[in-house]
Structure formats: C-alpha cells, structure tokens
Amino acid sequence: MLIASIDSPTLLGVAAVVTAVGGCASTIMALRKSRNEEITDMENKLKEARAENERLAEENHRLKLEKIERGESIEGDTTEEGDE
C-alpha cells in the first residue's frame, strides 16, 4: 500500500513543489551571503585605500617641508612670498 501511494501523481507533485521551494530558498540565501561578503570586502578595501591615502599625504607633506628647508620652491605652489 505504501509503495502504491509513492507513485501517486499528487504526492510526486507535492514533492516537486517542495523541492522547487527549497531550491529557491537556498538560492536566495546564497545571494544574500554573497552580497554581504562583497560589502565586507569593499569596506576592507576602502579602509586600506584611506590608510594608503593618509600615508601618502603625510609623505607628501614631509617632502614639501624638506624642500622648503632647502630653500627650493614647491612646484605648483600658488602662494606668493609674504602671504603666509
């Protein structure tokens, strides 16, 4: 009797629907996880870029001060002497 009910078209249809819903659910969860991982990755890259920017700005400032100490003009400087 149990074997006969397994071959039932209604039961097979229900099994197909349950399988499809499970597949959709797992796809949605995978997409959400992927999106969260991408956001985390982008946040980490942004932090690294900001740190690199800060390091380069400090280095640029240090180099400008060294040039001023040597009496050299700073390329691209638009300030006139006496304005400071």
PDB file of N, CA and C in Angstrom:
ATOM      1  N   MET A   1       0.819  -1.185   0.000  1.00  0.00           N
ATOM      2  CA  MET A   1       0.000   0.000   0.000  1.00  0.00           C
ATOM      3  C   MET A   1       0.861   1.246   0.000  1.00  0.00           C
ATOM      4  N   LEU A   2       1.929   1.236   0.782  1.00  0.00           N
ATOM      5  CA  LEU A   2       2.812   2.387   0.849  1.00  0.00           C
ATOM      6  C   LEU A   2       3.493   2.625  -0.490  1.00  0.00           C
ATOM      7  N   ILE A   3       3.887   1.568  -1.149  1.00  0.00           N
ATOM      8  CA  ILE A   3       4.533   1.700  -2.456  1.00  0.00           C
ATOM      9  C   ILE A   3       3.560   2.287  -3.472  1.00  0.00           C
ATOM     10  N   ALA A   4       2.323   1.919  -3.410  1.00  0.00           N
ATOM     11  CA  ALA A   4       1.322   2.448  -4.338  1.00  0.00           C
ATOM     12  C   ALA A   4       1.126   3.938  -4.110  1.00  0.00           C
ATOM     13  N   SER A   5       1.203   4.388  -2.881  1.00  0.00           N
ATOM     14  CA  SER A   5       0.983   5.809  -2.615  1.00  0.00           C
ATOM     15  C   SER A   5       2.185   6.653  -3.030  1.00  0.00           C
ATOM     16  N   ILE A   6       3.366   6.072  -3.081  1.00  0.00           N
ATOM     17  CA  ILE A   6       4.557   6.815  -3.520  1.00  0.00           C
ATOM     18  C   ILE A   6       4.453   7.145  -5.007  1.00  0.00           C
ATOM     19  N   ASP A   7       3.816   6.276  -5.772  1.00  0.00           N
ATOM     20  CA  ASP A   7       3.660   6.526  -7.200  1.00  0.00           C
ATOM     21  C   ASP A   7       2.499   7.469  -7.496  1.00  0.00           C
ATOM     22  N   SER A   8       1.840   7.956  -6.504  1.00  0.00           N
ATOM     23  CA  SER A   8       0.697   8.838  -6.692  1.00  0.00           C
ATOM     24  C   SER A   8       1.133  10.150  -7.342  1.00  0.00           C
ATOM     25  N   PRO A   9       0.455  10.575  -8.402  1.00  0.00           N
ATOM     26  CA  PRO A   9       0.808  11.837  -9.066  1.00  0.00           C
ATOM     27  C   PRO A   9       0.700  13.040  -8.133  1.00  0.00           C
ATOM     28  N   THR A  10      -0.230  13.030  -7.226  1.00  0.00           N
ATOM     29  CA  THR A  10      -0.386  14.141  -6.293  1.00  0.00           C
ATOM     30  C   THR A  10       0.819  14.243  -5.363  1.00  0.00           C
ATOM     31  N   LEU A  11       1.255  13.094  -4.839  1.00  0.00           N
ATOM     32  CA  LEU A  11       2.403  13.080  -3.945  1.00  0.00           C
ATOM     33  C   LEU A  11       3.665  13.508  -4.682  1.00  0.00           C
ATOM     34  N   LEU A  12       3.844  13.074  -5.911  1.00  0.00           N
ATOM     35  CA  LEU A  12       5.008  13.469  -6.707  1.00  0.00           C
ATOM     36  C   LEU A  12       4.971  14.968  -7.008  1.00  0.00           C
ATOM     37  N   GLY A  13       3.760  15.482  -7.248  1.00  0.00           N
ATOM     38  CA  GLY A  13       3.618  16.922  -7.490  1.00  0.00           C
ATOM     39  C   GLY A  13       3.986  17.743  -6.264  1.00  0.00           C
ATOM     40  N   VAL A  14       3.536  17.274  -5.112  1.00  0.00           N
ATOM     41  CA  VAL A  14       3.867  17.963  -3.865  1.00  0.00           C
ATOM     42  C   VAL A  14       5.370  17.919  -3.628  1.00  0.00           C
ATOM     43  N   ALA A  15       5.986  16.780  -3.876  1.00  0.00           N
ATOM     44  CA  ALA A  15       7.437  16.646  -3.705  1.00  0.00           C
ATOM     45  C   ALA A  15       8.175  17.599  -4.647  1.00  0.00           C
ATOM     46  N   ALA A  16       7.689  17.749  -5.861  1.00  0.00           N
ATOM     47  CA  ALA A  16       8.318  18.662  -6.822  1.00  0.00           C
ATOM     48  C   ALA A  16       8.211  20.110  -6.349  1.00  0.00           C
ATOM     49  N   VAL A  17       7.055  20.466  -5.829  1.00  0.00           N
ATOM     50  CA  VAL A  17       6.867  21.834  -5.342  1.00  0.00           C
ATOM     51  C   VAL A  17       7.764  22.103  -4.140  1.00  0.00           C
ATOM     52  N   VAL A  18       7.840  21.146  -3.214  1.00  0.00           N
ATOM     53  CA  VAL A  18       8.696  21.313  -2.033  1.00  0.00           C
ATOM     54  C   VAL A  18      10.163  21.451  -2.459  1.00  0.00           C
ATOM     55  N   THR A  19      10.568  20.640  -3.410  1.00  0.00           N
ATOM     56  CA  THR A  19      11.945  20.715  -3.909  1.00  0.00           C
ATOM     57  C   THR A  19      12.222  22.066  -4.555  1.00  0.00           C
ATOM     58  N   ALA A  20      11.282  22.555  -5.354  1.00  0.00           N
ATOM     59  CA  ALA A  20      11.445  23.854  -6.011  1.00  0.00           C
ATOM     60  C   ALA A  20      11.533  24.983  -4.990  1.00  0.00           C
ATOM     61  N   VAL A  21      10.677  24.942  -3.991  1.00  0.00           N
ATOM     62  CA  VAL A  21      10.708  25.976  -2.947  1.00  0.00           C
ATOM     63  C   VAL A  21      12.032  25.924  -2.190  1.00  0.00           C
ATOM     64  N   GLY A  22      12.508  24.734  -1.900  1.00  0.00           N
ATOM     65  CA  GLY A  22      13.800  24.585  -1.226  1.00  0.00           C
ATOM     66  C   GLY A  22      14.939  25.126  -2.075  1.00  0.00           C
ATOM     67  N   GLY A  23      14.873  24.877  -3.371  1.00  0.00           N
ATOM     68  CA  GLY A  23      15.900  25.400  -4.278  1.00  0.00           C
ATOM     69  C   GLY A  23      15.885  26.918  -4.327  1.00  0.00           C
ATOM     70  N   CYS A  24      14.692  27.490  -4.374  1.00  0.00           N
ATOM     71  CA  CYS A  24      14.563  28.958  -4.376  1.00  0.00           C
ATOM     72  C   CYS A  24      15.092  29.539  -3.069  1.00  0.00           C
ATOM     73  N   ALA A  25      14.762  28.921  -1.972  1.00  0.00           N
ATOM     74  CA  ALA A  25      15.216  29.411  -0.669  1.00  0.00           C
ATOM     75  C   ALA A  25      16.736  29.362  -0.557  1.00  0.00           C
ATOM     76  N   SER A  26      17.328  28.269  -0.998  1.00  0.00           N
ATOM     77  CA  SER A  26      18.786  28.168  -0.907  1.00  0.00           C
ATOM     78  C   SER A  26      19.468  29.169  -1.848  1.00  0.00           C
ATOM     79  N   THR A  27      18.860  29.439  -2.999  1.00  0.00           N
ATOM     80  CA  THR A  27      19.408  30.432  -3.924  1.00  0.00           C
ATOM     81  C   THR A  27      19.366  31.821  -3.309  1.00  0.00           C
ATOM     82  N   ILE A  28      18.247  32.159  -2.681  1.00  0.00           N
ATOM     83  CA  ILE A  28      18.118  33.471  -2.040  1.00  0.00           C
ATOM     84  C   ILE A  28      19.133  33.624  -0.916  1.00  0.00           C
ATOM     85  N   MET A  29      19.305  32.585  -0.108  1.00  0.00           N
ATOM     86  CA  MET A  29      20.281  32.656   0.976  1.00  0.00           C
ATOM     87  C   MET A  29      21.703  32.799   0.440  1.00  0.00           C
ATOM     88  N   ALA A  30      22.017  32.093  -0.635  1.00  0.00           N
ATOM     89  CA  ALA A  30      23.355  32.189  -1.225  1.00  0.00           C
ATOM     90  C   ALA A  30      23.603  33.588  -1.782  1.00  0.00           C
ATOM     91  N   LEU A  31      22.599  34.176  -2.404  1.00  0.00           N
ATOM     92  CA  LEU A  31      22.751  35.529  -2.937  1.00  0.00           C
ATOM     93  C   LEU A  31      22.948  36.549  -1.819  1.00  0.00           C
ATOM     94  N   ARG A  32      22.199  36.403  -0.741  1.00  0.00           N
ATOM     95  CA  ARG A  32      22.355  37.326   0.388  1.00  0.00           C
ATOM     96  C   ARG A  32      23.732  37.191   1.021  1.00  0.00           C
ATOM     97  N   LYS A  33      24.208  35.961   1.167  1.00  0.00           N
ATOM     98  CA  LYS A  33      25.532  35.738   1.742  1.00  0.00           C
ATOM     99  C   LYS A  33      26.602  36.347   0.841  1.00  0.00           C
ATOM    100  N   SER A  34      26.462  36.140  -0.461  1.00  0.00           N
ATOM    101  CA  SER A  34      27.415  36.693  -1.412  1.00  0.00           C
ATOM    102  C   SER A  34      27.434  38.210  -1.346  1.00  0.00           C
ATOM    103  N   ARG A  35      26.258  38.819  -1.262  1.00  0.00           N
ATOM    104  CA  ARG A  35      26.169  40.280  -1.188  1.00  0.00           C
ATOM    105  C   ARG A  35      26.832  40.789   0.083  1.00  0.00           C
ATOM    106  N   ASN A  36      26.577  40.129   1.201  1.00  0.00           N
ATOM    107  CA  ASN A  36      27.190  40.539   2.469  1.00  0.00           C
ATOM    108  C   ASN A  36      28.706  40.414   2.416  1.00  0.00           C
ATOM    109  N   GLU A  37      29.202  39.355   1.792  1.00  0.00           N
ATOM    110  CA  GLU A  37      30.647  39.175   1.659  1.00  0.00           C
ATOM    111  C   GLU A  37      31.250  40.264   0.775  1.00  0.00           C
ATOM    112  N   GLU A  38      30.544  40.632  -0.304  1.00  0.00           N
ATOM    113  CA  GLU A  38      31.022  41.692  -1.178  1.00  0.00           C
ATOM    114  C   GLU A  38      31.072  43.024  -0.442  1.00  0.00           C
ATOM    115  N   ILE A  39      30.055  43.303   0.365  1.00  0.00           N
ATOM    116  CA  ILE A  39      30.036  44.558   1.124  1.00  0.00           C
ATOM    117  C   ILE A  39      31.203  44.594   2.101  1.00  0.00           C
ATOM    118  N   THR A  40      31.430  43.500   2.798  1.00  0.00           N
ATOM    119  CA  THR A  40      32.547  43.429   3.742  1.00  0.00           C
ATOM    120  C   THR A  40      33.876  43.602   3.023  1.00  0.00           C
ATOM    121  N   ASP A  41      34.022  42.967   1.874  1.00  0.00           N
ATOM    122  CA  ASP A  41      35.244  43.083   1.095  1.00  0.00           C
ATOM    123  C   ASP A  41      35.466  44.526   0.639  1.00  0.00           C
ATOM    124  N   MET A  42      34.417  45.187   0.178  1.00  0.00           N
ATOM    125  CA  MET A  42      34.531  46.574  -0.260  1.00  0.00           C
ATOM    126  C   MET A  42      34.874  47.498   0.909  1.00  0.00           C
ATOM    127  N   GLU A  43      34.277  47.250   2.080  1.00  0.00           N
ATOM    128  CA  GLU A  43      34.602  48.057   3.251  1.00  0.00           C
ATOM    129  C   GLU A  43      36.070  47.909   3.628  1.00  0.00           C
ATOM    130  N   ASN A  44      36.593  46.685   3.553  1.00  0.00           N
ATOM    131  CA  ASN A  44      38.010  46.459   3.862  1.00  0.00           C
ATOM    132  C   ASN A  44      38.907  47.153   2.846  1.00  0.00           C
ATOM    133  N   LYS A  45      38.550  47.082   1.574  1.00  0.00           N
ATOM    134  CA  LYS A  45      39.346  47.761   0.544  1.00  0.00           C
ATOM    135  C   LYS A  45      39.310  49.275   0.726  1.00  0.00           C
ATOM    136  N   LEU A  46      38.160  49.815   1.117  1.00  0.00           N
ATOM    137  CA  LEU A  46      38.047  51.242   1.370  1.00  0.00           C
ATOM    138  C   LEU A  46      38.926  51.661   2.542  1.00  0.00           C
ATOM    139  N   LYS A  47      38.948  50.867   3.611  1.00  0.00           N
ATOM    140  CA  LYS A  47      39.813  51.165   4.755  1.00  0.00           C
ATOM    141  C   LYS A  47      41.275  51.168   4.337  1.00  0.00           C
ATOM    142  N   GLU A  48      41.667  50.192   3.530  1.00  0.00           N
ATOM    143  CA  GLU A  48      43.045  50.123   3.052  1.00  0.00           C
ATOM    144  C   GLU A  48      43.385  51.329   2.190  1.00  0.00           C
ATOM    145  N   ALA A  49      42.464  51.729   1.316  1.00  0.00           N
ATOM    146  CA  ALA A  49      42.706  52.877   0.441  1.00  0.00           C
ATOM    147  C   ALA A  49      42.820  54.165   1.252  1.00  0.00           C
ATOM    148  N   ARG A  50      41.989  54.311   2.267  1.00  0.00           N
ATOM    149  CA  ARG A  50      42.066  55.503   3.110  1.00  0.00           C
ATOM    150  C   ARG A  50      43.383  55.551   3.875  1.00  0.00           C
ATOM    151  N   ALA A  51      43.825  54.415   4.387  1.00  0.00           N
ATOM    152  CA  ALA A  51      45.105  54.356   5.106  1.00  0.00           C
ATOM    153  C   ALA A  51      46.253  54.694   4.169  1.00  0.00           C
ATOM    154  N   GLU A  52      46.210  54.169   2.956  1.00  0.00           N
ATOM    155  CA  GLU A  52      47.245  54.470   1.961  1.00  0.00           C
ATOM    156  C   GLU A  52      47.230  55.955   1.612  1.00  0.00           C
ATOM    157  N   ASN A  53      46.042  56.527   1.471  1.00  0.00           N
ATOM    158  CA  ASN A  53      45.915  57.946   1.168  1.00  0.00           C
ATOM    159  C   ASN A  53      46.515  58.794   2.285  1.00  0.00           C
ATOM    160  N   GLU A  54      46.228  58.427   3.522  1.00  0.00           N
ATOM    161  CA  GLU A  54      46.769  59.165   4.667  1.00  0.00           C
ATOM    162  C   GLU A  54      48.292  59.059   4.702  1.00  0.00           C
ATOM    163  N   ARG A  55      48.808  57.877   4.449  1.00  0.00           N
ATOM    164  CA  ARG A  55      50.267  57.683   4.443  1.00  0.00           C
ATOM    165  C   ARG A  55      50.919  58.537   3.363  1.00  0.00           C
ATOM    166  N   LEU A  56      50.330  58.541   2.169  1.00  0.00           N
ATOM    167  CA  LEU A  56      50.895  59.320   1.068  1.00  0.00           C
ATOM    168  C   LEU A  56      50.785  60.827   1.320  1.00  0.00           C
ATOM    169  N   ALA A  57      49.702  61.261   1.952  1.00  0.00           N
ATOM    170  CA  ALA A  57      49.550  62.679   2.270  1.00  0.00           C
ATOM    171  C   ALA A  57      50.625  63.117   3.268  1.00  0.00           C
ATOM    172  N   GLU A  58      50.887  62.281   4.266  1.00  0.00           N
ATOM    173  CA  GLU A  58      51.930  62.596   5.239  1.00  0.00           C
ATOM    174  C   GLU A  58      53.303  62.638   4.573  1.00  0.00           C
ATOM    175  N   GLU A  59      53.556  61.685   3.690  1.00  0.00           N
ATOM    176  CA  GLU A  59      54.836  61.662   2.982  1.00  0.00           C
ATOM    177  C   GLU A  59      54.983  62.891   2.088  1.00  0.00           C
ATOM    178  N   ASN A  60      53.913  63.267   1.409  1.00  0.00           N
ATOM    179  CA  ASN A  60      53.931  64.449   0.553  1.00  0.00           C
ATOM    180  C   ASN A  60      54.222  65.705   1.378  1.00  0.00           C
ATOM    181  N   HIS A  61      53.579  65.814   2.534  1.00  0.00           N
ATOM    182  CA  HIS A  61      53.802  66.949   3.409  1.00  0.00           C
ATOM    183  C   HIS A  61      55.247  67.002   3.890  1.00  0.00           C
ATOM    184  N   ARG A  62      55.775  65.852   4.263  1.00  0.00           N
ATOM    185  CA  ARG A  62      57.167  65.782   4.725  1.00  0.00           C
ATOM    186  C   ARG A  62      58.127  66.215   3.614  1.00  0.00           C
ATOM    187  N   LEU A  63      57.877  65.763   2.387  1.00  0.00           N
ATOM    188  CA  LEU A  63      58.748  66.130   1.269  1.00  0.00           C
ATOM    189  C   LEU A  63      58.682  67.626   0.973  1.00  0.00           C
ATOM    190  N   LYS A  64      57.476  68.200   1.081  1.00  0.00           N
ATOM    191  CA  LYS A  64      57.345  69.644   0.862  1.00  0.00           C
ATOM    192  C   LYS A  64      58.125  70.424   1.914  1.00  0.00           C
ATOM    193  N   LEU A  65      58.034  69.990   3.174  1.00  0.00           N
ATOM    194  CA  LEU A  65      58.777  70.668   4.230  1.00  0.00           C
ATOM    195  C   LEU A  65      60.284  70.573   4.008  1.00  0.00           C
ATOM    196  N   GLU A  66      60.756  69.428   3.558  1.00  0.00           N
ATOM    197  CA  GLU A  66      62.184  69.266   3.269  1.00  0.00           C
ATOM    198  C   GLU A  66      62.618  70.201   2.157  1.00  0.00           C
ATOM    199  N   LYS A  67      61.800  70.361   1.114  1.00  0.00           N
ATOM    200  CA  LYS A  67      62.131  71.270   0.019  1.00  0.00           C
ATOM    201  C   LYS A  67      62.176  72.710   0.512  1.00  0.00           C
ATOM    202  N   ILE A  68      61.238  73.071   1.365  1.00  0.00           N
ATOM    203  CA  ILE A  68      61.216  74.429   1.902  1.00  0.00           C
ATOM    204  C   ILE A  68      62.469  74.683   2.733  1.00  0.00           C
ATOM    205  N   GLU A  69      62.878  73.698   3.536  1.00  0.00           N
ATOM    206  CA  GLU A  69      64.081  73.836   4.356  1.00  0.00           C
ATOM    207  C   GLU A  69      65.324  74.009   3.494  1.00  0.00           C
ATOM    208  N   ARG A  70      65.346  73.387   2.327  1.00  0.00           N
ATOM    209  CA  ARG A  70      66.489  73.529   1.412  1.00  0.00           C
ATOM    210  C   ARG A  70      66.399  74.816   0.598  1.00  0.00           C
ATOM    211  N   GLY A  71      65.300  75.540   0.725  1.00  0.00           N
ATOM    212  CA  GLY A  71      65.142  76.800   0.009  1.00  0.00           C
ATOM    213  C   GLY A  71      64.629  76.633  -1.405  1.00  0.00           C
ATOM    214  N   GLU A  72      64.153  75.467  -1.738  1.00  0.00           N
ATOM    215  CA  GLU A  72      63.636  75.224  -3.078  1.00  0.00           C
ATOM    216  C   GLU A  72      62.170  75.614  -3.135  1.00  0.00           C
ATOM    217  N   SER A  73      61.741  76.018  -4.337  1.00  0.00           N
ATOM    218  CA  SER A  73      60.318  76.328  -4.474  1.00  0.00           C
ATOM    219  C   SER A  73      59.546  75.034  -4.669  1.00  0.00           C
ATOM    220  N   ILE A  74      58.308  75.073  -4.234  1.00  0.00           N
ATOM    221  CA  ILE A  74      57.448  73.898  -4.363  1.00  0.00           C
ATOM    222  C   ILE A  74      56.690  74.025  -5.663  1.00  0.00           C
ATOM    223  N   GLU A  75      56.850  73.042  -6.539  1.00  0.00           N
ATOM    224  CA  GLU A  75      56.176  73.041  -7.838  1.00  0.00           C
ATOM    225  C   GLU A  75      54.660  73.048  -7.639  1.00  0.00           C
ATOM    226  N   GLY A  76      54.004  73.967  -8.317  1.00  0.00           N
ATOM    227  CA  GLY A  76      52.559  74.045  -8.222  1.00  0.00           C
ATOM    228  C   GLY A  76      52.081  74.894  -7.064  1.00  0.00           C
ATOM    229  N   ASP A  77      53.012  75.482  -6.291  1.00  0.00           N
ATOM    230  CA  ASP A  77      52.633  76.326  -5.157  1.00  0.00           C
ATOM    231  C   ASP A  77      52.173  77.674  -5.683  1.00  0.00           C
ATOM    232  N   THR A  78      50.988  78.090  -5.323  1.00  0.00           N
ATOM    233  CA  THR A  78      50.429  79.348  -5.831  1.00  0.00           C
ATOM    234  C   THR A  78      50.528  80.483  -4.821  1.00  0.00           C
ATOM    235  N   THR A  79      51.084  80.202  -3.647  1.00  0.00           N
ATOM    236  CA  THR A  79      51.210  81.276  -2.651  1.00  0.00           C
ATOM    237  C   THR A  79      52.405  82.143  -2.995  1.00  0.00           C
ATOM    238  N   GLU A  80      52.261  83.442  -2.769  1.00  0.00           N
ATOM    239  CA  GLU A  80      53.363  84.360  -3.001  1.00  0.00           C
ATOM    240  C   GLU A  80      54.076  84.595  -1.693  1.00  0.00           C
ATOM    241  N   GLU A  81      55.335  84.939  -1.751  1.00  0.00           N
ATOM    242  CA  GLU A  81      56.082  85.187  -0.513  1.00  0.00           C
ATOM    243  C   GLU A  81      55.463  86.357   0.210  1.00  0.00           C
ATOM    244  N   GLY A  82      55.370  86.263   1.506  1.00  0.00           N
ATOM    245  CA  GLY A  82      54.770  87.299   2.308  1.00  0.00           C
ATOM    246  C   GLY A  82      53.290  87.055   2.573  1.00  0.00           C
ATOM    247  N   ASP A  83      52.675  86.135   1.857  1.00  0.00           N
ATOM    248  CA  ASP A  83      51.271  85.823   2.060  1.00  0.00           C
ATOM    249  C   ASP A  83      51.065  84.940   3.281  1.00  0.00           C
ATOM    250  N   GLU A  84      52.113  84.290   3.713  1.00  0.00           N
ATOM    251  CA  GLU A  84      51.965  83.308   4.779  1.00  0.00           C
ATOM    252  C   GLU A  84      51.798  83.928   6.096  1.00  0.00           C
TER     253      GLU A  84
END
